[in-house]
Amino acid sequence: MNILEAIADPKLFGPHFRGSSWSAWYAFLAAMFGLGLSDAEAEVFRACTGRAAAPSGGFSEAWLVCGRRAGKSFILAVIAVFLACFHDYRRYLGPGERGTVMVIATDRHPGADAGFRDAVDAGP
């Protein structure tokens, strides 16, 4: 099962993806996971990346520039859950080891609280 099939499945992620506002994200996921793009998805991919075509093997890393309320956190959570549940990591884990999928995000400018930290570290 690929990520787009999991999103379409009413027993998995399907109920959380209503309406057509997710079409650009579907293009992103298809390109990211190397699933092949429909004509509409290929057009979105070209418009957003400036590339003529997506590579057939997908990507191992992506940098996203999106506005507020674009669905970034939701899509990244779906990717994390999908990878945790449907990807086989046994070749990376030793006997008895348990893998962890981490989602790390910042909700403000990374340096915004540096001044506060410095003030706390300095003490009275």
PDB file of N, CA and C in Angstrom:
ATOM      1  N   MET A   1       0.852  -1.169   0.000  1.00  0.00           N
ATOM      2  CA  MET A   1       0.000   0.000   0.000  1.00  0.00           C
ATOM      3  C   MET A   1       0.901   1.237   0.000  1.00  0.00           C
ATOM      4  N   ASN A   2       0.608   2.191  -0.901  1.00  0.00           N
ATOM      5  CA  ASN A   2       1.376   3.430  -0.897  1.00  0.00           C
ATOM      6  C   ASN A   2       0.605   4.510  -0.128  1.00  0.00           C
ATOM      7  N   ILE A   3       1.234   5.649   0.062  1.00  0.00           N
ATOM      8  CA  ILE A   3       0.639   6.687   0.908  1.00  0.00           C
ATOM      9  C   ILE A   3      -0.654   7.254   0.319  1.00  0.00           C
ATOM     10  N   LEU A   4      -0.734   7.374  -1.006  1.00  0.00           N
ATOM     11  CA  LEU A   4      -1.970   7.890  -1.611  1.00  0.00           C
ATOM     12  C   LEU A   4      -3.108   6.886  -1.475  1.00  0.00           C
ATOM     13  N   GLU A   5      -2.800   5.603  -1.536  1.00  0.00           N
ATOM     14  CA  GLU A   5      -3.823   4.577  -1.302  1.00  0.00           C
ATOM     15  C   GLU A   5      -4.293   4.621   0.155  1.00  0.00           C
ATOM     16  N   ALA A   6      -3.361   4.847   1.079  1.00  0.00           N
ATOM     17  CA  ALA A   6      -3.726   4.941   2.496  1.00  0.00           C
ATOM     18  C   ALA A   6      -4.622   6.154   2.748  1.00  0.00           C
ATOM     19  N   ILE A   7      -4.329   7.252   2.046  1.00  0.00           N
ATOM     20  CA  ILE A   7      -5.149   8.461   2.186  1.00  0.00           C
ATOM     21  C   ILE A   7      -6.548   8.244   1.617  1.00  0.00           C
ATOM     22  N   ALA A   8      -6.641   7.490   0.549  1.00  0.00           N
ATOM     23  CA  ALA A   8      -7.936   7.230  -0.083  1.00  0.00           C
ATOM     24  C   ALA A   8      -8.756   6.185   0.673  1.00  0.00           C
ATOM     25  N   ASP A   9      -8.119   5.371   1.486  1.00  0.00           N
ATOM     26  CA  ASP A   9      -8.796   4.283   2.182  1.00  0.00           C
ATOM     27  C   ASP A   9      -9.686   4.830   3.310  1.00  0.00           C
ATOM     28  N   PRO A  10     -10.993   4.541   3.259  1.00  0.00           N
ATOM     29  CA  PRO A  10     -11.906   5.065   4.288  1.00  0.00           C
ATOM     30  C   PRO A  10     -11.650   4.485   5.683  1.00  0.00           C
ATOM     31  N   LYS A  11     -10.899   3.391   5.771  1.00  0.00           N
ATOM     32  CA  LYS A  11     -10.593   2.809   7.076  1.00  0.00           C
ATOM     33  C   LYS A  11      -9.267   3.342   7.640  1.00  0.00           C
ATOM     34  N   LEU A  12      -8.545   4.100   6.847  1.00  0.00           N
ATOM     35  CA  LEU A  12      -7.276   4.656   7.313  1.00  0.00           C
ATOM     36  C   LEU A  12      -7.385   6.181   7.411  1.00  0.00           C
ATOM     37  N   PHE A  13      -6.793   6.870   6.446  1.00  0.00           N
ATOM     38  CA  PHE A  13      -6.769   8.335   6.499  1.00  0.00           C
ATOM     39  C   PHE A  13      -7.919   8.986   5.745  1.00  0.00           C
ATOM     40  N   GLY A  14      -8.640   8.238   4.938  1.00  0.00           N
ATOM     41  CA  GLY A  14      -9.675   8.779   4.066  1.00  0.00           C
ATOM     42  C   GLY A  14     -10.642   9.766   4.690  1.00  0.00           C
ATOM     43  N   PRO A  15     -11.204   9.469   5.855  1.00  0.00           N
ATOM     44  CA  PRO A  15     -12.182  10.398   6.438  1.00  0.00           C
ATOM     45  C   PRO A  15     -11.617  11.790   6.740  1.00  0.00           C
ATOM     46  N   HIS A  16     -10.302  11.921   6.804  1.00  0.00           N
ATOM     47  CA  HIS A  16      -9.689  13.198   7.154  1.00  0.00           C
ATOM     48  C   HIS A  16      -9.351  14.052   5.940  1.00  0.00           C
ATOM     49  N   PHE A  17      -9.567  13.509   4.747  1.00  0.00           N
ATOM     50  CA  PHE A  17      -9.249  14.227   3.516  1.00  0.00           C
ATOM     51  C   PHE A  17     -10.531  14.441   2.719  1.00  0.00           C
ATOM     52  N   ARG A  18     -11.216  15.528   3.017  1.00  0.00           N
ATOM     53  CA  ARG A  18     -12.456  15.838   2.303  1.00  0.00           C
ATOM     54  C   ARG A  18     -12.221  17.024   1.383  1.00  0.00           C
ATOM     55  N   GLY A  19     -12.873  17.031   0.246  1.00  0.00           N
ATOM     56  CA  GLY A  19     -12.787  18.162  -0.671  1.00  0.00           C
ATOM     57  C   GLY A  19     -11.563  18.102  -1.565  1.00  0.00           C
ATOM     58  N   SER A  20     -11.471  19.071  -2.440  1.00  0.00           N
ATOM     59  CA  SER A  20     -10.397  19.084  -3.433  1.00  0.00           C
ATOM     60  C   SER A  20      -9.210  19.942  -3.010  1.00  0.00           C
ATOM     61  N   SER A  21      -9.256  20.534  -1.829  1.00  0.00           N
ATOM     62  CA  SER A  21      -8.170  21.422  -1.418  1.00  0.00           C
ATOM     63  C   SER A  21      -6.860  20.688  -1.167  1.00  0.00           C
ATOM     64  N   TRP A  22      -6.896  19.377  -1.151  1.00  0.00           N
ATOM     65  CA  TRP A  22      -5.694  18.587  -0.896  1.00  0.00           C
ATOM     66  C   TRP A  22      -4.951  18.212  -2.180  1.00  0.00           C
ATOM     67  N   SER A  23      -5.425  18.616  -3.341  1.00  0.00           N
ATOM     68  CA  SER A  23      -4.846  18.153  -4.606  1.00  0.00           C
ATOM     69  C   SER A  23      -3.363  18.504  -4.743  1.00  0.00           C
ATOM     70  N   ALA A  24      -2.942  19.682  -4.300  1.00  0.00           N
ATOM     71  CA  ALA A  24      -1.521  20.032  -4.383  1.00  0.00           C
ATOM     72  C   ALA A  24      -0.690  19.135  -3.462  1.00  0.00           C
ATOM     73  N   TRP A  25      -1.261  18.795  -2.302  1.00  0.00           N
ATOM     74  CA  TRP A  25      -0.549  17.900  -1.395  1.00  0.00           C
ATOM     75  C   TRP A  25      -0.448  16.495  -1.987  1.00  0.00           C
ATOM     76  N   TYR A  26      -1.473  16.051  -2.704  1.00  0.00           N
ATOM     77  CA  TYR A  26      -1.393  14.743  -3.363  1.00  0.00           C
ATOM     78  C   TYR A  26      -0.256  14.738  -4.382  1.00  0.00           C
ATOM     79  N   ALA A  27      -0.100  15.838  -5.119  1.00  0.00           N
ATOM     80  CA  ALA A  27       1.001  15.949  -6.086  1.00  0.00           C
ATOM     81  C   ALA A  27       2.337  15.891  -5.352  1.00  0.00           C
ATOM     82  N   PHE A  28       2.440  16.596  -4.231  1.00  0.00           N
ATOM     83  CA  PHE A  28       3.669  16.566  -3.433  1.00  0.00           C
ATOM     84  C   PHE A  28       3.978  15.141  -2.972  1.00  0.00           C
ATOM     85  N   LEU A  29       2.974  14.461  -2.425  1.00  0.00           N
ATOM     86  CA  LEU A  29       3.186  13.107  -1.920  1.00  0.00           C
ATOM     87  C   LEU A  29       3.554  12.135  -3.036  1.00  0.00           C
ATOM     88  N   ALA A  30       2.887  12.253  -4.185  1.00  0.00           N
ATOM     89  CA  ALA A  30       3.208  11.383  -5.321  1.00  0.00           C
ATOM     90  C   ALA A  30       4.655  11.588  -5.753  1.00  0.00           C
ATOM     91  N   ALA A  31       5.092  12.848  -5.827  1.00  0.00           N
ATOM     92  CA  ALA A  31       6.475  13.130  -6.215  1.00  0.00           C
ATOM     93  C   ALA A  31       7.447  12.677  -5.132  1.00  0.00           C
ATOM     94  N   MET A  32       7.135  12.977  -3.884  1.00  0.00           N
ATOM     95  CA  MET A  32       8.016  12.634  -2.769  1.00  0.00           C
ATOM     96  C   MET A  32       8.268  11.133  -2.680  1.00  0.00           C
ATOM     97  N   PHE A  33       7.208  10.358  -2.861  1.00  0.00           N
ATOM     98  CA  PHE A  33       7.316   8.909  -2.733  1.00  0.00           C
ATOM     99  C   PHE A  33       7.572   8.213  -4.071  1.00  0.00           C
ATOM    100  N   GLY A  34       7.769   8.974  -5.152  1.00  0.00           N
ATOM    101  CA  GLY A  34       8.082   8.387  -6.452  1.00  0.00           C
ATOM    102  C   GLY A  34       6.969   7.531  -7.015  1.00  0.00           C
ATOM    103  N   LEU A  35       5.732   7.988  -6.880  1.00  0.00           N
ATOM    104  CA  LEU A  35       4.580   7.183  -7.282  1.00  0.00           C
ATOM    105  C   LEU A  35       4.119   7.439  -8.711  1.00  0.00           C
ATOM    106  N   GLY A  36       4.684   8.380  -9.369  1.00  0.00           N
ATOM    107  CA  GLY A  36       4.172   8.758 -10.681  1.00  0.00           C
ATOM    108  C   GLY A  36       3.054   9.763 -10.498  1.00  0.00           C
ATOM    109  N   LEU A  37       2.988  10.725 -11.376  1.00  0.00           N
ATOM    110  CA  LEU A  37       2.024  11.809 -11.246  1.00  0.00           C
ATOM    111  C   LEU A  37       0.999  11.768 -12.367  1.00  0.00           C
ATOM    112  N   SER A  38      -0.239  12.092 -12.026  1.00  0.00           N
ATOM    113  CA  SER A  38      -1.266  12.274 -13.049  1.00  0.00           C
ATOM    114  C   SER A  38      -0.912  13.550 -13.811  1.00  0.00           C
ATOM    115  N   ASP A  39      -1.619  13.811 -14.905  1.00  0.00           N
ATOM    116  CA  ASP A  39      -1.357  15.040 -15.660  1.00  0.00           C
ATOM    117  C   ASP A  39      -1.550  16.275 -14.788  1.00  0.00           C
ATOM    118  N   ALA A  40      -2.618  16.292 -14.004  1.00  0.00           N
ATOM    119  CA  ALA A  40      -2.890  17.437 -13.126  1.00  0.00           C
ATOM    120  C   ALA A  40      -1.805  17.572 -12.058  1.00  0.00           C
ATOM    121  N   GLU A  41      -1.387  16.455 -11.474  1.00  0.00           N
ATOM    122  CA  GLU A  41      -0.331  16.485 -10.462  1.00  0.00           C
ATOM    123  C   GLU A  41       0.999  16.929 -11.067  1.00  0.00           C
ATOM    124  N   ALA A  42       1.281  16.481 -12.277  1.00  0.00           N
ATOM    125  CA  ALA A  42       2.516  16.887 -12.957  1.00  0.00           C
ATOM    126  C   ALA A  42       2.528  18.395 -13.203  1.00  0.00           C
ATOM    127  N   GLU A  43       1.389  18.956 -13.534  1.00  0.00           N
ATOM    128  CA  GLU A  43       1.295  20.404 -13.740  1.00  0.00           C
ATOM    129  C   GLU A  43       1.554  21.155 -12.436  1.00  0.00           C
ATOM    130  N   VAL A  44       0.994  20.678 -11.334  1.00  0.00           N
ATOM    131  CA  VAL A  44       1.239  21.286 -10.022  1.00  0.00           C
ATOM    132  C   VAL A  44       2.720  21.167  -9.677  1.00  0.00           C
ATOM    133  N   PHE A  45       3.296  20.003  -9.915  1.00  0.00           N
ATOM    134  CA  PHE A  45       4.714  19.782  -9.633  1.00  0.00           C
ATOM    135  C   PHE A  45       5.578  20.768 -10.411  1.00  0.00           C
ATOM    136  N   ARG A  46       5.320  20.926 -11.703  1.00  0.00           N
ATOM    137  CA  ARG A  46       6.095  21.863 -12.529  1.00  0.00           C
ATOM    138  C   ARG A  46       5.938  23.296 -12.031  1.00  0.00           C
ATOM    139  N   ALA A  47       4.720  23.681 -11.693  1.00  0.00           N
ATOM    140  CA  ALA A  47       4.461  25.046 -11.230  1.00  0.00           C
ATOM    141  C   ALA A  47       5.154  25.338  -9.896  1.00  0.00           C
ATOM    142  N   CYS A  48       5.192  24.354  -9.013  1.00  0.00           N
ATOM    143  CA  CYS A  48       5.760  24.570  -7.679  1.00  0.00           C
ATOM    144  C   CYS A  48       7.268  24.395  -7.615  1.00  0.00           C
ATOM    145  N   THR A  49       7.836  23.614  -8.518  1.00  0.00           N
ATOM    146  CA  THR A  49       9.271  23.310  -8.424  1.00  0.00           C
ATOM    147  C   THR A  49      10.104  23.904  -9.548  1.00  0.00           C
ATOM    148  N   GLY A  50       9.477  24.220 -10.679  1.00  0.00           N
ATOM    149  CA  GLY A  50      10.240  24.687 -11.831  1.00  0.00           C
ATOM    150  C   GLY A  50      10.948  23.554 -12.564  1.00  0.00           C
ATOM    151  N   ARG A  51      10.746  22.328 -12.133  1.00  0.00           N
ATOM    152  CA  ARG A  51      11.335  21.156 -12.797  1.00  0.00           C
ATOM    153  C   ARG A  51      10.400  20.664 -13.882  1.00  0.00           C
ATOM    154  N   ALA A  52      10.979  20.100 -14.932  1.00  0.00           N
ATOM    155  CA  ALA A  52      10.165  19.588 -16.038  1.00  0.00           C
ATOM    156  C   ALA A  52       9.409  18.323 -15.630  1.00  0.00           C
ATOM    157  N   ALA A  53      10.041  17.489 -14.809  1.00  0.00           N
ATOM    158  CA  ALA A  53       9.408  16.224 -14.406  1.00  0.00           C
ATOM    159  C   ALA A  53       9.974  15.780 -13.061  1.00  0.00           C
ATOM    160  N   ALA A  54       9.197  15.016 -12.343  1.00  0.00           N
ATOM    161  CA  ALA A  54       9.648  14.450 -11.068  1.00  0.00           C
ATOM    162  C   ALA A  54      10.513  13.237 -11.332  1.00  0.00           C
ATOM    163  N   PRO A  55      11.561  13.028 -10.544  1.00  0.00           N
ATOM    164  CA  PRO A  55      12.362  11.820 -10.721  1.00  0.00           C
ATOM    165  C   PRO A  55      11.543  10.582 -10.364  1.00  0.00           C
ATOM    166  N   SER A  56      11.805   9.492 -11.028  1.00  0.00           N
ATOM    167  CA  SER A  56      11.006   8.285 -10.823  1.00  0.00           C
ATOM    168  C   SER A  56      11.212   7.662  -9.447  1.00  0.00           C
ATOM    169  N   GLY A  57      12.353   7.894  -8.821  1.00  0.00           N
ATOM    170  CA  GLY A  57      12.634   7.264  -7.536  1.00  0.00           C
ATOM    171  C   GLY A  57      12.158   8.024  -6.323  1.00  0.00           C
ATOM    172  N   GLY A  58      11.580   9.185  -6.514  1.00  0.00           N
ATOM    173  CA  GLY A  58      11.127   9.972  -5.385  1.00  0.00           C
ATOM    174  C   GLY A  58      12.274  10.722  -4.731  1.00  0.00           C
ATOM    175  N   PHE A  59      12.031  11.212  -3.541  1.00  0.00           N
ATOM    176  CA  PHE A  59      13.011  12.020  -2.814  1.00  0.00           C
ATOM    177  C   PHE A  59      13.201  11.456  -1.419  1.00  0.00           C
ATOM    178  N   SER A  60      14.366  11.677  -0.832  1.00  0.00           N
ATOM    179  CA  SER A  60      14.595  11.271   0.556  1.00  0.00           C
ATOM    180  C   SER A  60      14.477  12.459   1.501  1.00  0.00           C
ATOM    181  N   GLU A  61      14.358  13.659   0.943  1.00  0.00           N
ATOM    182  CA  GLU A  61      14.259  14.861   1.764  1.00  0.00           C
ATOM    183  C   GLU A  61      13.471  15.914   0.999  1.00  0.00           C
ATOM    184  N   ALA A  62      12.734  16.725   1.719  1.00  0.00           N
ATOM    185  CA  ALA A  62      11.984  17.813   1.079  1.00  0.00           C
ATOM    186  C   ALA A  62      12.026  19.042   1.973  1.00  0.00           C
ATOM    187  N   TRP A  63      12.107  20.194   1.344  1.00  0.00           N
ATOM    188  CA  TRP A  63      12.023  21.470   2.038  1.00  0.00           C
ATOM    189  C   TRP A  63      10.778  22.150   1.518  1.00  0.00           C
ATOM    190  N   LEU A  64       9.887  22.516   2.412  1.00  0.00           N
ATOM    191  CA  LEU A  64       8.609  23.087   2.016  1.00  0.00           C
ATOM    192  C   LEU A  64       8.516  24.550   2.433  1.00  0.00           C
ATOM    193  N   VAL A  65       8.089  25.370   1.512  1.00  0.00           N
ATOM    194  CA  VAL A  65       7.818  26.773   1.800  1.00  0.00           C
ATOM    195  C   VAL A  65       6.327  26.961   1.587  1.00  0.00           C
ATOM    196  N   CYS A  66       5.603  27.071   2.691  1.00  0.00           N
ATOM    197  CA  CYS A  66       4.143  27.149   2.642  1.00  0.00           C
ATOM    198  C   CYS A  66       3.671  28.239   3.595  1.00  0.00           C
ATOM    199  N   GLY A  67       2.556  28.819   3.273  1.00  0.00           N
ATOM    200  CA  GLY A  67       1.971  29.831   4.147  1.00  0.00           C
ATOM    201  C   GLY A  67       1.283  29.205   5.344  1.00  0.00           C
ATOM    202  N   ARG A  68       0.784  30.069   6.199  1.00  0.00           N
ATOM    203  CA  ARG A  68       0.038  29.612   7.369  1.00  0.00           C
ATOM    204  C   ARG A  68      -1.223  28.876   6.923  1.00  0.00           C
ATOM    205  N   ARG A  69      -1.594  27.872   7.703  1.00  0.00           N
ATOM    206  CA  ARG A  69      -2.823  27.101   7.479  1.00  0.00           C
ATOM    207  C   ARG A  69      -2.812  26.347   6.152  1.00  0.00           C
ATOM    208  N   ALA A  70      -1.617  26.016   5.653  1.00  0.00           N
ATOM    209  CA  ALA A  70      -1.513  25.300   4.387  1.00  0.00           C
ATOM    210  C   ALA A  70      -1.675  23.789   4.554  1.00  0.00           C
ATOM    211  N   GLY A  71      -1.658  23.310   5.784  1.00  0.00           N
ATOM    212  CA  GLY A  71      -1.802  21.876   6.026  1.00  0.00           C
ATOM    213  C   GLY A  71      -0.482  21.160   6.241  1.00  0.00           C
ATOM    214  N   LYS A  72       0.594  21.905   6.440  1.00  0.00           N
ATOM    215  CA  LYS A  72       1.924  21.308   6.599  1.00  0.00           C
ATOM    216  C   LYS A  72       1.974  20.311   7.747  1.00  0.00           C
ATOM    217  N   SER A  73       1.556  20.741   8.934  1.00  0.00           N
ATOM    218  CA  SER A  73       1.647  19.870  10.103  1.00  0.00           C
ATOM    219  C   SER A  73       0.808  18.614   9.920  1.00  0.00           C
ATOM    220  N   PHE A  74      -0.372  18.762   9.344  1.00  0.00           N
ATOM    221  CA  PHE A  74      -1.253  17.618   9.129  1.00  0.00           C
ATOM    222  C   PHE A  74      -0.625  16.629   8.147  1.00  0.00           C
ATOM    223  N   ILE A  75      -0.122  17.126   7.020  1.00  0.00           N
ATOM    224  CA  ILE A  75       0.482  16.244   6.021  1.00  0.00           C
ATOM    225  C   ILE A  75       1.728  15.567   6.581  1.00  0.00           C
ATOM    226  N   LEU A  76       2.548  16.304   7.304  1.00  0.00           N
ATOM    227  CA  LEU A  76       3.749  15.696   7.873  1.00  0.00           C
ATOM    228  C   LEU A  76       3.396  14.656   8.930  1.00  0.00           C
ATOM    229  N   ALA A  77       2.323  14.874   9.670  1.00  0.00           N
ATOM    230  CA  ALA A  77       1.867  13.865  10.632  1.00  0.00           C
ATOM    231  C   ALA A  77       1.382  12.615   9.895  1.00  0.00           C
ATOM    232  N   VAL A  78       0.665  12.803   8.796  1.00  0.00           N
ATOM    233  CA  VAL A  78       0.203  11.658   7.991  1.00  0.00           C
ATOM    234  C   VAL A  78       1.409  10.887   7.451  1.00  0.00           C
ATOM    235  N   ILE A  79       2.425  11.603   6.957  1.00  0.00           N
ATOM    236  CA  ILE A  79       3.631  10.939   6.450  1.00  0.00           C
ATOM    237  C   ILE A  79       4.287  10.145   7.574  1.00  0.00           C
ATOM    238  N   ALA A  80       4.410  10.741   8.765  1.00  0.00           N
ATOM    239  CA  ALA A  80       5.052  10.053   9.888  1.00  0.00           C
ATOM    240  C   ALA A  80       4.288   8.788  10.274  1.00  0.00           C
ATOM    241  N   VAL A  81       2.978   8.895  10.364  1.00  0.00           N
ATOM    242  CA  VAL A  81       2.163   7.725  10.730  1.00  0.00           C
ATOM    243  C   VAL A  81       2.261   6.664   9.636  1.00  0.00           C
ATOM    244  N   PHE A  82       2.185   7.087   8.377  1.00  0.00           N
ATOM    245  CA  PHE A  82       2.297   6.135   7.271  1.00  0.00           C
ATOM    246  C   PHE A  82       3.641   5.404   7.329  1.00  0.00           C
ATOM    247  N   LEU A  83       4.731   6.147   7.469  1.00  0.00           N
ATOM    248  CA  LEU A  83       6.057   5.520   7.505  1.00  0.00           C
ATOM    249  C   LEU A  83       6.215   4.614   8.717  1.00  0.00           C
ATOM    250  N   ALA A  84       5.661   5.035   9.851  1.00  0.00           N
ATOM    251  CA  ALA A  84       5.760   4.208  11.059  1.00  0.00           C
ATOM    252  C   ALA A  84       4.995   2.900  10.915  1.00  0.00           C
ATOM    253  N   CYS A  85       3.851   2.952  10.231  1.00  0.00           N
ATOM    254  CA  CYS A  85       2.983   1.773  10.148  1.00  0.00           C
ATOM    255  C   CYS A  85       3.228   0.892   8.927  1.00  0.00           C
ATOM    256  N   PHE A  86       3.652   1.472   7.818  1.00  0.00           N
ATOM    257  CA  PHE A  86       3.698   0.714   6.566  1.00  0.00           C
ATOM    258  C   PHE A  86       5.089   0.519   5.989  1.00  0.00           C
ATOM    259  N   HIS A  87       6.118   1.028   6.616  1.00  0.00           N
ATOM    260  CA  HIS A  87       7.481   0.853   6.106  1.00  0.00           C
ATOM    261  C   HIS A  87       8.193  -0.173   6.973  1.00  0.00           C
ATOM    262  N   ASP A  88       8.940  -1.052   6.340  1.00  0.00           N
ATOM    263  CA  ASP A  88       9.661  -2.095   7.065  1.00  0.00           C
ATOM    264  C   ASP A  88      11.071  -1.599   7.413  1.00  0.00           C
ATOM    265  N   TYR A  89      11.341  -1.424   8.680  1.00  0.00           N
ATOM    266  CA  TYR A  89      12.633  -0.919   9.152  1.00  0.00           C
ATOM    267  C   TYR A  89      13.522  -2.019   9.723  1.00  0.00           C
ATOM    268  N   ARG A  90      13.135  -3.284   9.563  1.00  0.00           N
ATOM    269  CA  ARG A  90      13.889  -4.373  10.187  1.00  0.00           C
ATOM    270  C   ARG A  90      15.354  -4.389   9.800  1.00  0.00           C
ATOM    271  N   ARG A  91      15.692  -3.987   8.590  1.00  0.00           N
ATOM    272  CA  ARG A  91      17.101  -4.035   8.175  1.00  0.00           C
ATOM    273  C   ARG A  91      17.942  -2.975   8.892  1.00  0.00           C
ATOM    274  N   TYR A  92      17.292  -1.986   9.507  1.00  0.00           N
ATOM    275  CA  TYR A  92      18.006  -0.943  10.242  1.00  0.00           C
ATOM    276  C   TYR A  92      18.057  -1.196  11.740  1.00  0.00           C
ATOM    277  N   LEU A  93      17.271  -2.137  12.240  1.00  0.00           N
ATOM    278  CA  LEU A  93      17.150  -2.377  13.673  1.00  0.00           C
ATOM    279  C   LEU A  93      17.805  -3.692  14.067  1.00  0.00           C
ATOM    280  N   GLY A  94      18.417  -3.678  15.214  1.00  0.00           N
ATOM    281  CA  GLY A  94      18.985  -4.898  15.745  1.00  0.00           C
ATOM    282  C   GLY A  94      17.919  -5.726  16.436  1.00  0.00           C
ATOM    283  N   PRO A  95      18.229  -6.970  16.806  1.00  0.00           N
ATOM    284  CA  PRO A  95      17.262  -7.810  17.507  1.00  0.00           C
ATOM    285  C   PRO A  95      16.761  -7.128  18.786  1.00  0.00           C
ATOM    286  N   GLY A  96      15.449  -7.044  18.938  1.00  0.00           N
ATOM    287  CA  GLY A  96      14.848  -6.447  20.118  1.00  0.00           C
ATOM    288  C   GLY A  96      14.752  -4.928  20.095  1.00  0.00           C
ATOM    289  N   GLU A  97      15.370  -4.298  19.113  1.00  0.00           N
ATOM    290  CA  GLU A  97      15.303  -2.837  19.029  1.00  0.00           C
ATOM    291  C   GLU A  97      13.944  -2.391  18.534  1.00  0.00           C
ATOM    292  N   ARG A  98      13.493  -1.261  19.043  1.00  0.00           N
ATOM    293  CA  ARG A  98      12.222  -0.685  18.621  1.00  0.00           C
ATOM    294  C   ARG A  98      12.504   0.671  17.982  1.00  0.00           C
ATOM    295  N   GLY A  99      12.001   0.849  16.786  1.00  0.00           N
ATOM    296  CA  GLY A  99      12.198   2.113  16.083  1.00  0.00           C
ATOM    297  C   GLY A  99      11.241   3.186  16.557  1.00  0.00           C
ATOM    298  N   THR A 100      11.631   4.426  16.347  1.00  0.00           N
ATOM    299  CA  THR A 100      10.799   5.572  16.701  1.00  0.00           C
ATOM    300  C   THR A 100      10.774   6.531  15.532  1.00  0.00           C
ATOM    301  N   VAL A 101       9.615   6.982  15.152  1.00  0.00           N
ATOM    302  CA  VAL A 101       9.485   8.005  14.128  1.00  0.00           C
ATOM    303  C   VAL A 101       9.210   9.312  14.847  1.00  0.00           C
ATOM    304  N   MET A 102      10.107  10.265  14.650  1.00  0.00           N
ATOM    305  CA  MET A 102       9.983  11.549  15.350  1.00  0.00           C
ATOM    306  C   MET A 102       9.510  12.631  14.379  1.00  0.00           C
ATOM    307  N   VAL A 103       8.650  13.490  14.861  1.00  0.00           N
ATOM    308  CA  VAL A 103       8.238  14.675  14.118  1.00  0.00           C
ATOM    309  C   VAL A 103       8.677  15.865  14.951  1.00  0.00           C
ATOM    310  N   ILE A 104       9.559  16.667  14.374  1.00  0.00           N
ATOM    311  CA  ILE A 104      10.107  17.812  15.091  1.00  0.00           C
ATOM    312  C   ILE A 104       9.725  19.063  14.327  1.00  0.00           C
ATOM    313  N   ALA A 105       9.171  20.030  15.022  1.00  0.00           N
ATOM    314  CA  ALA A 105       8.753  21.272  14.374  1.00  0.00           C
ATOM    315  C   ALA A 105       8.967  22.440  15.322  1.00  0.00           C
ATOM    316  N   THR A 106       9.050  23.596  14.743  1.00  0.00           N
ATOM    317  CA  THR A 106       9.137  24.812  15.534  1.00  0.00           C
ATOM    318  C   THR A 106       7.904  25.647  15.249  1.00  0.00           C
ATOM    319  N   ASP A 107       7.413  26.338  16.235  1.00  0.00           N
ATOM    320  CA  ASP A 107       6.220  27.143  16.007  1.00  0.00           C
ATOM    321  C   ASP A 107       6.538  28.632  16.016  1.00  0.00           C
ATOM    322  N   ARG A 108       7.818  28.958  16.055  1.00  0.00           N
ATOM    323  CA  ARG A 108       8.221  30.361  15.973  1.00  0.00           C
ATOM    324  C   ARG A 108       9.642  30.425  15.425  1.00  0.00           C
ATOM    325  N   HIS A 109      10.106  31.617  15.183  1.00  0.00           N
ATOM    326  CA  HIS A 109      11.455  31.787  14.644  1.00  0.00           C
ATOM    327  C   HIS A 109      12.453  31.124  15.583  1.00  0.00           C
ATOM    328  N   PRO A 110      13.368  30.291  15.060  1.00  0.00           N
ATOM    329  CA  PRO A 110      14.274  29.525  15.927  1.00  0.00           C
ATOM    330  C   PRO A 110      15.107  30.379  16.884  1.00  0.00           C
ATOM    331  N   GLY A 111      15.434  31.603  16.510  1.00  0.00           N
ATOM    332  CA  GLY A 111      16.244  32.434  17.381  1.00  0.00           C
ATOM    333  C   GLY A 111      15.440  33.339  18.288  1.00  0.00           C
ATOM    334  N   ALA A 112      14.120  33.271  18.199  1.00  0.00           N
ATOM    335  CA  ALA A 112      13.267  34.215  18.919  1.00  0.00           C
ATOM    336  C   ALA A 112      13.400  34.109  20.427  1.00  0.00           C
ATOM    337  N   ASP A 113      13.650  32.918  20.942  1.00  0.00           N
ATOM    338  CA  ASP A 113      13.721  32.780  22.396  1.00  0.00           C
ATOM    339  C   ASP A 113      15.158  32.734  22.899  1.00  0.00           C
ATOM    340  N   ALA A 114      16.141  32.977  22.028  1.00  0.00           N
ATOM    341  CA  ALA A 114      17.546  32.940  22.452  1.00  0.00           C
ATOM    342  C   ALA A 114      17.822  33.997  23.512  1.00  0.00           C
ATOM    343  N   GLY A 115      17.272  35.187  23.346  1.00  0.00           N
ATOM    344  CA  GLY A 115      17.478  36.248  24.328  1.00  0.00           C
ATOM    345  C   GLY A 115      16.930  35.862  25.691  1.00  0.00           C
ATOM    346  N   PHE A 116      15.764  35.215  25.710  1.00  0.00           N
ATOM    347  CA  PHE A 116      15.168  34.753  26.965  1.00  0.00           C
ATOM    348  C   PHE A 116      16.055  33.708  27.620  1.00  0.00           C
ATOM    349  N   ARG A 117      16.550  32.757  26.829  1.00  0.00           N
ATOM    350  CA  ARG A 117      17.443  31.730  27.377  1.00  0.00           C
ATOM    351  C   ARG A 117      18.693  32.349  27.967  1.00  0.00           C
ATOM    352  N   ASP A 118      19.284  33.336  27.256  1.00  0.00           N
ATOM    353  CA  ASP A 118      20.484  33.989  27.755  1.00  0.00           C
ATOM    354  C   ASP A 118      20.215  34.701  29.081  1.00  0.00           C
ATOM    355  N   ALA A 119      19.039  35.336  29.165  1.00  0.00           N
ATOM    356  CA  ALA A 119      18.691  36.047  30.398  1.00  0.00           C
ATOM    357  C   ALA A 119      18.500  35.072  31.554  1.00  0.00           C
ATOM    358  N   VAL A 120      17.878  33.939  31.296  1.00  0.00           N
ATOM    359  CA  VAL A 120      17.671  32.928  32.341  1.00  0.00           C
ATOM    360  C   VAL A 120      19.004  32.343  32.775  1.00  0.00           C
ATOM    361  N   ASP A 121      19.882  32.048  31.801  1.00  0.00           N
ATOM    362  CA  ASP A 121      21.185  31.477  32.117  1.00  0.00           C
ATOM    363  C   ASP A 121      22.047  32.442  32.944  1.00  0.00           C
ATOM    364  N   ALA A 122      21.895  33.732  32.677  1.00  0.00           N
ATOM    365  CA  ALA A 122      22.694  34.719  33.382  1.00  0.00           C
ATOM    366  C   ALA A 122      22.262  34.855  34.837  1.00  0.00           C
ATOM    367  N   GLY A 123      20.968  34.609  35.084  1.00  0.00           N
ATOM    368  CA  GLY A 123      20.456  34.696  36.459  1.00  0.00           C
ATOM    369  C   GLY A 123      20.411  36.123  36.965  1.00  0.00           C
ATOM    370  N   PRO A 124      19.955  36.305  38.222  1.00  0.00           N
ATOM    371  CA  PRO A 124      19.838  37.656  38.783  1.00  0.00           C
ATOM    372  C   PRO A 124      21.195  38.249  39.127  1.00  0.00           C
TER     373      PRO A 124
END
